[in-house]
């Protein structure tokens, strides 16, 4: 089981997340977001990892605060959080607003592989593999 500590008074839960692609790995801060269908990463991160946005797997309709757009969908080689890793994770490529504290969203395309525990009193997220 993996444990992630967070500040329960912060506006969102930030999770250091390792992303792996054809050109290597990057660790970025992502918002733990059970309301996001997909892991979401910015264009610069996708390109640094070696993904071409000219030929994504597909394009997915994405509803943002200001409009609807079609975001490229890629498949990350691996995503790892607190020692727990999942291979072949679908991710949308979309730049979050610059005033945010995170570079991306840790959404359900990663989180659905785990049993989740969320304890605000202790400031703790627990990820464990289903039995």
Foldseek 3Di string as FASTA:
>chain_A
DFKDFAQLVDPFGWFFKWFAAPQGIDTWIATADAPDAFKEAEPVRCVNNPHDQVDAPAWDWDQDPPGIDTFGKHWTQWMDTRHDIDGGFIYTHDADDPVDPTRIHHYDSPQVQFDWDQDSVRRMIDTDGDD
